[in-house]
Amino acid sequence: MSPLIPSSALYEALYVSTLAEGQPVAVVAEIAGHAHVHNASRGITGLLIFDGMRFCQQLEGTQKEVLKLTERIRNDPRHTGVEVLHHGPLPARRFRQFSLAFTAVEDTEVLARLGLLDGEAAMAAFEALRAELHR
């Protein structure tokens, strides 16, 4: 577990996971809808990317809330292979406007490649993907 940072300080986590076998792709809309409502009440913002099989999500909020949510996702039977690629203090929110931004990508390899990275390299790849999505 990470060292405790001040409770009001921002914290982030970036993870990848795979949609569990037998789960219909339609469950992704359910996940996104639930997150949109519940993240706002917990002060969590972020971006969820889905490629038809894999998820990549960046979460930001207080350390306590981000770690609690990451653990809930790890225990969610709709996800398998949850891998936290990066976590740590965050100087400023990237997603002030939404409790959850959601987008899909058609390239099924982009999240697979991102999942091979960790730490700052993973965050740099995520930022590059995010910039590409906003073009």
N, C-alpha and C. Protein backbone atom coordinates (compact mmCIF):
# COMPACT_ATOMS: atom_id res chain seq x y z
N MET A 1 0.84 -1.18 0.00
CA MET A 1 0.00 0.00 0.00
C MET A 1 0.89 1.24 0.00
N SER A 2 0.38 2.32 -0.56
CA SER A 2 1.13 3.58 -0.66
C SER A 2 1.20 4.27 0.69
N PRO A 3 2.27 5.07 0.89
CA PRO A 3 2.29 5.87 2.10
C PRO A 3 1.12 6.85 2.07
N LEU A 4 0.58 7.13 3.23
CA LEU A 4 -0.57 8.01 3.32
C LEU A 4 -0.17 9.44 2.97
N ILE A 5 -0.93 10.06 2.08
CA ILE A 5 -0.71 11.46 1.75
C ILE A 5 -1.83 12.27 2.40
N PRO A 6 -1.68 13.59 2.52
CA PRO A 6 -2.73 14.39 3.18
C PRO A 6 -4.11 14.10 2.60
N SER A 7 -5.10 14.03 3.47
CA SER A 7 -6.44 13.60 3.05
C SER A 7 -7.06 14.49 2.00
N SER A 8 -6.68 15.75 1.94
CA SER A 8 -7.26 16.66 0.94
C SER A 8 -6.47 16.66 -0.37
N ALA A 9 -5.29 16.03 -0.38
CA ALA A 9 -4.46 16.02 -1.57
C ALA A 9 -5.05 15.10 -2.63
N LEU A 10 -4.78 15.43 -3.88
CA LEU A 10 -5.25 14.60 -4.97
C LEU A 10 -4.33 13.40 -5.17
N TYR A 11 -4.93 12.32 -5.59
CA TYR A 11 -4.24 11.05 -5.80
C TYR A 11 -4.80 10.46 -7.08
N GLU A 12 -4.01 9.68 -7.79
CA GLU A 12 -4.51 9.04 -9.00
C GLU A 12 -4.07 7.59 -9.07
N ALA A 13 -4.85 6.83 -9.83
CA ALA A 13 -4.50 5.45 -10.15
C ALA A 13 -4.87 5.21 -11.60
N LEU A 14 -4.04 4.45 -12.29
CA LEU A 14 -4.28 4.04 -13.66
C LEU A 14 -4.23 2.52 -13.68
N TYR A 15 -5.29 1.90 -14.18
CA TYR A 15 -5.30 0.44 -14.24
C TYR A 15 -5.80 -0.03 -15.59
N VAL A 16 -5.51 -1.29 -15.89
CA VAL A 16 -6.09 -1.98 -17.04
C VAL A 16 -6.73 -3.26 -16.51
N SER A 17 -7.75 -3.71 -17.22
CA SER A 17 -8.39 -4.98 -16.89
C SER A 17 -9.04 -5.52 -18.15
N THR A 18 -9.59 -6.71 -18.05
CA THR A 18 -10.26 -7.36 -19.17
C THR A 18 -11.69 -7.66 -18.77
N LEU A 19 -12.61 -7.50 -19.71
CA LEU A 19 -14.00 -7.86 -19.48
C LEU A 19 -14.04 -9.37 -19.23
N ALA A 20 -14.66 -9.77 -18.13
CA ALA A 20 -14.69 -11.18 -17.75
C ALA A 20 -15.40 -12.02 -18.80
N GLU A 21 -14.91 -13.23 -18.98
CA GLU A 21 -15.50 -14.17 -19.92
C GLU A 21 -16.98 -14.37 -19.58
N GLY A 22 -17.80 -14.37 -20.60
CA GLY A 22 -19.23 -14.58 -20.41
C GLY A 22 -20.00 -13.30 -20.16
N GLN A 23 -19.29 -12.19 -19.95
CA GLN A 23 -19.97 -10.90 -19.74
C GLN A 23 -20.28 -10.28 -21.09
N PRO A 24 -21.52 -9.85 -21.30
CA PRO A 24 -21.84 -9.20 -22.57
C PRO A 24 -21.22 -7.80 -22.63
N VAL A 25 -20.89 -7.36 -23.81
CA VAL A 25 -20.32 -6.02 -23.97
C VAL A 25 -21.29 -4.96 -23.44
N ALA A 26 -22.58 -5.25 -23.47
CA ALA A 26 -23.58 -4.30 -22.97
C ALA A 26 -23.37 -3.95 -21.50
N VAL A 27 -22.68 -4.79 -20.74
CA VAL A 27 -22.45 -4.51 -19.32
C VAL A 27 -21.55 -3.29 -19.14
N VAL A 28 -20.80 -2.93 -20.18
CA VAL A 28 -19.91 -1.77 -20.09
C VAL A 28 -20.73 -0.49 -19.87
N ALA A 29 -21.87 -0.37 -20.55
CA ALA A 29 -22.74 0.80 -20.35
C ALA A 29 -23.25 0.84 -18.91
N GLU A 30 -23.54 -0.33 -18.36
CA GLU A 30 -23.99 -0.42 -16.97
C GLU A 30 -22.88 0.04 -16.02
N ILE A 31 -21.66 -0.41 -16.27
CA ILE A 31 -20.50 -0.01 -15.45
C ILE A 31 -20.31 1.50 -15.53
N ALA A 32 -20.33 2.04 -16.75
CA ALA A 32 -20.12 3.48 -16.93
C ALA A 32 -21.23 4.30 -16.27
N GLY A 33 -22.48 3.86 -16.40
CA GLY A 33 -23.59 4.58 -15.78
C GLY A 33 -23.50 4.59 -14.27
N HIS A 34 -23.17 3.44 -13.70
CA HIS A 34 -23.02 3.33 -12.25
C HIS A 34 -21.88 4.24 -11.77
N ALA A 35 -20.76 4.18 -12.48
CA ALA A 35 -19.60 4.98 -12.09
C ALA A 35 -19.90 6.47 -12.19
N HIS A 36 -20.62 6.87 -13.22
CA HIS A 36 -20.95 8.28 -13.40
C HIS A 36 -21.68 8.83 -12.17
N VAL A 37 -22.65 8.08 -11.67
CA VAL A 37 -23.44 8.51 -10.51
C VAL A 37 -22.63 8.44 -9.22
N HIS A 38 -22.00 7.31 -8.97
CA HIS A 38 -21.34 7.09 -7.69
C HIS A 38 -20.00 7.80 -7.55
N ASN A 39 -19.26 7.97 -8.65
CA ASN A 39 -17.99 8.68 -8.56
C ASN A 39 -18.19 10.12 -8.13
N ALA A 40 -19.22 10.76 -8.66
CA ALA A 40 -19.48 12.16 -8.32
C ALA A 40 -19.68 12.34 -6.82
N SER A 41 -20.41 11.43 -6.20
CA SER A 41 -20.68 11.55 -4.77
C SER A 41 -19.44 11.30 -3.92
N ARG A 42 -18.43 10.69 -4.50
CA ARG A 42 -17.18 10.40 -3.78
C ARG A 42 -16.04 11.34 -4.17
N GLY A 43 -16.33 12.31 -5.02
CA GLY A 43 -15.30 13.25 -5.44
C GLY A 43 -14.28 12.65 -6.38
N ILE A 44 -14.67 11.60 -7.10
CA ILE A 44 -13.75 10.93 -8.02
C ILE A 44 -14.09 11.35 -9.45
N THR A 45 -13.06 11.68 -10.20
CA THR A 45 -13.20 11.97 -11.62
C THR A 45 -12.25 11.05 -12.37
N GLY A 46 -12.40 10.98 -13.69
CA GLY A 46 -11.50 10.14 -14.45
C GLY A 46 -12.00 9.83 -15.84
N LEU A 47 -11.27 8.95 -16.51
CA LEU A 47 -11.57 8.54 -17.88
C LEU A 47 -11.54 7.03 -17.96
N LEU A 48 -12.58 6.45 -18.56
CA LEU A 48 -12.66 5.01 -18.81
C LEU A 48 -12.60 4.80 -20.32
N ILE A 49 -11.66 3.98 -20.76
CA ILE A 49 -11.50 3.65 -22.18
C ILE A 49 -11.76 2.16 -22.32
N PHE A 50 -12.51 1.78 -23.34
CA PHE A 50 -12.84 0.37 -23.58
C PHE A 50 -12.59 0.06 -25.05
N ASP A 51 -11.97 -1.08 -25.32
CA ASP A 51 -11.67 -1.45 -26.71
C ASP A 51 -12.47 -2.64 -27.22
N GLY A 52 -13.52 -3.01 -26.51
CA GLY A 52 -14.32 -4.16 -26.90
C GLY A 52 -13.98 -5.39 -26.07
N MET A 53 -12.83 -5.35 -25.41
CA MET A 53 -12.39 -6.45 -24.56
C MET A 53 -11.68 -5.96 -23.30
N ARG A 54 -10.88 -4.91 -23.45
CA ARG A 54 -10.07 -4.41 -22.34
C ARG A 54 -10.55 -3.03 -21.88
N PHE A 55 -10.34 -2.79 -20.59
CA PHE A 55 -10.59 -1.49 -19.99
C PHE A 55 -9.26 -0.85 -19.64
N CYS A 56 -9.22 0.47 -19.69
CA CYS A 56 -8.14 1.25 -19.10
C CYS A 56 -8.84 2.42 -18.43
N GLN A 57 -8.54 2.65 -17.16
CA GLN A 57 -9.20 3.75 -16.46
C GLN A 57 -8.19 4.50 -15.61
N GLN A 58 -8.30 5.82 -15.67
CA GLN A 58 -7.55 6.70 -14.80
C GLN A 58 -8.55 7.28 -13.82
N LEU A 59 -8.27 7.15 -12.53
CA LEU A 59 -9.13 7.65 -11.46
C LEU A 59 -8.37 8.73 -10.71
N GLU A 60 -9.09 9.77 -10.28
CA GLU A 60 -8.46 10.83 -9.49
C GLU A 60 -9.41 11.30 -8.41
N GLY A 61 -8.86 11.54 -7.24
CA GLY A 61 -9.63 11.97 -6.07
C GLY A 61 -8.73 11.90 -4.86
N THR A 62 -9.31 11.76 -3.67
CA THR A 62 -8.47 11.58 -2.49
C THR A 62 -7.88 10.18 -2.51
N GLN A 63 -6.76 10.00 -1.84
CA GLN A 63 -6.12 8.69 -1.81
C GLN A 63 -7.09 7.64 -1.27
N LYS A 64 -7.78 7.97 -0.19
CA LYS A 64 -8.70 7.02 0.44
C LYS A 64 -9.76 6.55 -0.56
N GLU A 65 -10.40 7.48 -1.25
CA GLU A 65 -11.48 7.12 -2.18
C GLU A 65 -10.96 6.39 -3.40
N VAL A 66 -9.82 6.82 -3.94
CA VAL A 66 -9.26 6.15 -5.12
C VAL A 66 -8.86 4.72 -4.78
N LEU A 67 -8.22 4.52 -3.63
CA LEU A 67 -7.81 3.16 -3.25
C LEU A 67 -9.02 2.27 -2.96
N LYS A 68 -10.06 2.83 -2.33
CA LYS A 68 -11.28 2.05 -2.08
C LYS A 68 -11.92 1.63 -3.40
N LEU A 69 -12.00 2.55 -4.35
CA LEU A 69 -12.62 2.23 -5.63
C LEU A 69 -11.78 1.23 -6.41
N THR A 70 -10.47 1.38 -6.38
CA THR A 70 -9.60 0.43 -7.06
C THR A 70 -9.81 -0.98 -6.51
N GLU A 71 -9.96 -1.09 -5.21
CA GLU A 71 -10.19 -2.40 -4.59
C GLU A 71 -11.55 -2.96 -5.00
N ARG A 72 -12.58 -2.11 -5.07
CA ARG A 72 -13.90 -2.57 -5.51
C ARG A 72 -13.84 -3.10 -6.95
N ILE A 73 -13.11 -2.39 -7.80
CA ILE A 73 -12.96 -2.83 -9.19
C ILE A 73 -12.23 -4.16 -9.24
N ARG A 74 -11.18 -4.29 -8.44
CA ARG A 74 -10.41 -5.54 -8.40
C ARG A 74 -11.30 -6.73 -8.01
N ASN A 75 -12.31 -6.47 -7.16
CA ASN A 75 -13.21 -7.54 -6.71
C ASN A 75 -14.49 -7.66 -7.54
N ASP A 76 -14.65 -6.83 -8.55
CA ASP A 76 -15.84 -6.85 -9.40
C ASP A 76 -15.74 -8.04 -10.36
N PRO A 77 -16.71 -8.96 -10.35
CA PRO A 77 -16.63 -10.14 -11.21
C PRO A 77 -16.73 -9.83 -12.70
N ARG A 78 -17.06 -8.61 -13.05
CA ARG A 78 -17.12 -8.24 -14.47
C ARG A 78 -15.74 -7.93 -15.03
N HIS A 79 -14.75 -7.77 -14.15
CA HIS A 79 -13.36 -7.50 -14.54
C HIS A 79 -12.49 -8.70 -14.20
N THR A 80 -11.51 -8.98 -15.04
CA THR A 80 -10.47 -9.94 -14.69
C THR A 80 -9.12 -9.28 -14.99
N GLY A 81 -8.09 -9.81 -14.38
CA GLY A 81 -6.74 -9.33 -14.66
C GLY A 81 -6.52 -7.86 -14.38
N VAL A 82 -7.07 -7.37 -13.29
CA VAL A 82 -6.90 -5.96 -12.95
C VAL A 82 -5.43 -5.72 -12.58
N GLU A 83 -4.80 -4.82 -13.32
CA GLU A 83 -3.40 -4.47 -13.07
C GLU A 83 -3.28 -2.96 -12.88
N VAL A 84 -2.86 -2.53 -11.71
CA VAL A 84 -2.62 -1.10 -11.48
C VAL A 84 -1.25 -0.78 -12.07
N LEU A 85 -1.24 0.10 -13.06
CA LEU A 85 -0.01 0.45 -13.76
C LEU A 85 0.72 1.61 -13.11
N HIS A 86 -0.05 2.48 -12.47
CA HIS A 86 0.54 3.67 -11.84
C HIS A 86 -0.41 4.14 -10.74
N HIS A 87 0.15 4.65 -9.66
CA HIS A 87 -0.64 5.33 -8.63
C HIS A 87 0.28 6.27 -7.88
N GLY A 88 -0.30 7.36 -7.42
CA GLY A 88 0.49 8.31 -6.65
C GLY A 88 -0.16 9.68 -6.61
N PRO A 89 0.52 10.64 -5.98
CA PRO A 89 0.00 12.00 -5.86
C PRO A 89 -0.22 12.63 -7.24
N LEU A 90 -1.21 13.50 -7.30
CA LEU A 90 -1.57 14.18 -8.55
C LEU A 90 -1.64 15.68 -8.27
N PRO A 91 -0.89 16.50 -9.01
CA PRO A 91 -0.90 17.94 -8.73
C PRO A 91 -2.23 18.64 -9.03
N ALA A 92 -2.93 18.19 -10.08
CA ALA A 92 -4.21 18.83 -10.46
C ALA A 92 -5.05 17.83 -11.23
N ARG A 93 -6.35 17.96 -11.12
CA ARG A 93 -7.26 17.06 -11.86
C ARG A 93 -7.10 17.27 -13.36
N ARG A 94 -7.19 16.17 -14.09
CA ARG A 94 -7.23 16.21 -15.54
C ARG A 94 -8.67 16.31 -16.05
N PHE A 95 -9.62 15.82 -15.23
CA PHE A 95 -11.02 15.69 -15.66
C PHE A 95 -11.95 16.41 -14.69
N ARG A 96 -11.78 17.71 -14.57
CA ARG A 96 -12.61 18.48 -13.64
C ARG A 96 -14.09 18.46 -14.02
N GLN A 97 -14.37 18.37 -15.32
CA GLN A 97 -15.74 18.53 -15.79
C GLN A 97 -16.63 17.30 -15.60
N PHE A 98 -16.07 16.13 -15.46
CA PHE A 98 -16.92 14.95 -15.39
C PHE A 98 -16.52 14.01 -14.27
N SER A 99 -17.53 13.33 -13.71
CA SER A 99 -17.23 12.28 -12.74
C SER A 99 -16.67 11.07 -13.48
N LEU A 100 -17.10 10.89 -14.73
CA LEU A 100 -16.53 9.81 -15.54
C LEU A 100 -16.68 10.17 -17.00
N ALA A 101 -15.57 10.30 -17.68
CA ALA A 101 -15.58 10.42 -19.14
C ALA A 101 -15.43 8.99 -19.65
N PHE A 102 -16.14 8.67 -20.72
CA PHE A 102 -16.08 7.32 -21.27
C PHE A 102 -15.88 7.42 -22.77
N THR A 103 -14.99 6.59 -23.29
CA THR A 103 -14.80 6.52 -24.73
C THR A 103 -14.41 5.09 -25.11
N ALA A 104 -14.68 4.76 -26.34
CA ALA A 104 -14.29 3.46 -26.88
C ALA A 104 -13.24 3.69 -27.95
N VAL A 105 -12.35 2.74 -28.10
CA VAL A 105 -11.35 2.79 -29.17
C VAL A 105 -11.51 1.55 -30.02
N GLU A 106 -11.23 1.69 -31.31
CA GLU A 106 -11.37 0.56 -32.22
C GLU A 106 -10.11 -0.29 -32.29
N ASP A 107 -8.96 0.31 -32.06
CA ASP A 107 -7.69 -0.40 -32.10
C ASP A 107 -7.58 -1.29 -30.86
N THR A 108 -7.73 -2.58 -31.05
CA THR A 108 -7.74 -3.50 -29.91
C THR A 108 -6.35 -3.74 -29.33
N GLU A 109 -5.32 -3.22 -29.99
CA GLU A 109 -3.96 -3.42 -29.47
C GLU A 109 -3.46 -2.27 -28.62
N VAL A 110 -4.09 -1.10 -28.72
CA VAL A 110 -3.57 0.07 -28.01
C VAL A 110 -3.60 -0.15 -26.49
N LEU A 111 -4.66 -0.72 -25.96
CA LEU A 111 -4.72 -0.96 -24.51
C LEU A 111 -3.84 -2.15 -24.11
N ALA A 112 -3.69 -3.12 -25.02
CA ALA A 112 -2.79 -4.24 -24.73
C ALA A 112 -1.36 -3.72 -24.58
N ARG A 113 -0.95 -2.82 -25.47
CA ARG A 113 0.41 -2.24 -25.37
C ARG A 113 0.56 -1.40 -24.11
N LEU A 114 -0.46 -0.61 -23.79
CA LEU A 114 -0.40 0.22 -22.59
C LEU A 114 -0.26 -0.66 -21.34
N GLY A 115 -0.93 -1.80 -21.34
CA GLY A 115 -0.89 -2.71 -20.21
C GLY A 115 0.47 -3.33 -19.94
N LEU A 116 1.38 -3.22 -20.89
CA LEU A 116 2.74 -3.75 -20.71
C LEU A 116 3.66 -2.76 -20.00
N LEU A 117 3.17 -1.54 -19.80
CA LEU A 117 3.97 -0.48 -19.18
C LEU A 117 3.60 -0.32 -17.72
N ASP A 118 4.41 0.43 -17.00
CA ASP A 118 4.03 0.79 -15.63
C ASP A 118 4.65 2.13 -15.27
N GLY A 119 4.22 2.66 -14.14
CA GLY A 119 4.75 3.92 -13.64
C GLY A 119 4.57 5.07 -14.60
N GLU A 120 5.60 5.91 -14.68
CA GLU A 120 5.54 7.11 -15.52
C GLU A 120 5.40 6.76 -17.00
N ALA A 121 5.97 5.64 -17.44
CA ALA A 121 5.83 5.24 -18.84
C ALA A 121 4.37 4.95 -19.17
N ALA A 122 3.67 4.31 -18.25
CA ALA A 122 2.24 4.03 -18.45
C ALA A 122 1.45 5.33 -18.50
N MET A 123 1.76 6.27 -17.61
CA MET A 123 1.04 7.55 -17.61
C MET A 123 1.33 8.33 -18.89
N ALA A 124 2.56 8.30 -19.37
CA ALA A 124 2.89 9.01 -20.61
C ALA A 124 2.13 8.41 -21.79
N ALA A 125 2.03 7.08 -21.85
CA ALA A 125 1.28 6.43 -22.92
C ALA A 125 -0.21 6.75 -22.80
N PHE A 126 -0.73 6.79 -21.57
CA PHE A 126 -2.13 7.14 -21.36
C PHE A 126 -2.39 8.57 -21.82
N GLU A 127 -1.51 9.49 -21.47
CA GLU A 127 -1.67 10.89 -21.88
C GLU A 127 -1.62 11.03 -23.40
N ALA A 128 -0.73 10.27 -24.05
CA ALA A 128 -0.66 10.30 -25.51
C ALA A 128 -1.96 9.77 -26.12
N LEU A 129 -2.49 8.71 -25.55
CA LEU A 129 -3.76 8.15 -26.03
C LEU A 129 -4.89 9.15 -25.82
N ARG A 130 -4.92 9.77 -24.67
CA ARG A 130 -5.95 10.76 -24.37
C ARG A 130 -5.88 11.93 -25.36
N ALA A 131 -4.68 12.39 -25.67
CA ALA A 131 -4.52 13.48 -26.64
C ALA A 131 -5.00 13.04 -28.02
N GLU A 132 -4.69 11.82 -28.38
CA GLU A 132 -5.12 11.28 -29.68
C GLU A 132 -6.65 11.20 -29.76
N LEU A 133 -7.28 10.84 -28.68
CA LEU A 133 -8.74 10.72 -28.65
C LEU A 133 -9.43 12.07 -28.78
N HIS A 134 -8.76 13.14 -28.36
CA HIS A 134 -9.37 14.47 -28.40
C HIS A 134 -9.09 15.22 -29.68
N ARG A 135 -8.51 14.57 -30.66
CA ARG A 135 -8.26 15.23 -31.95
C ARG A 135 -9.50 15.27 -32.78
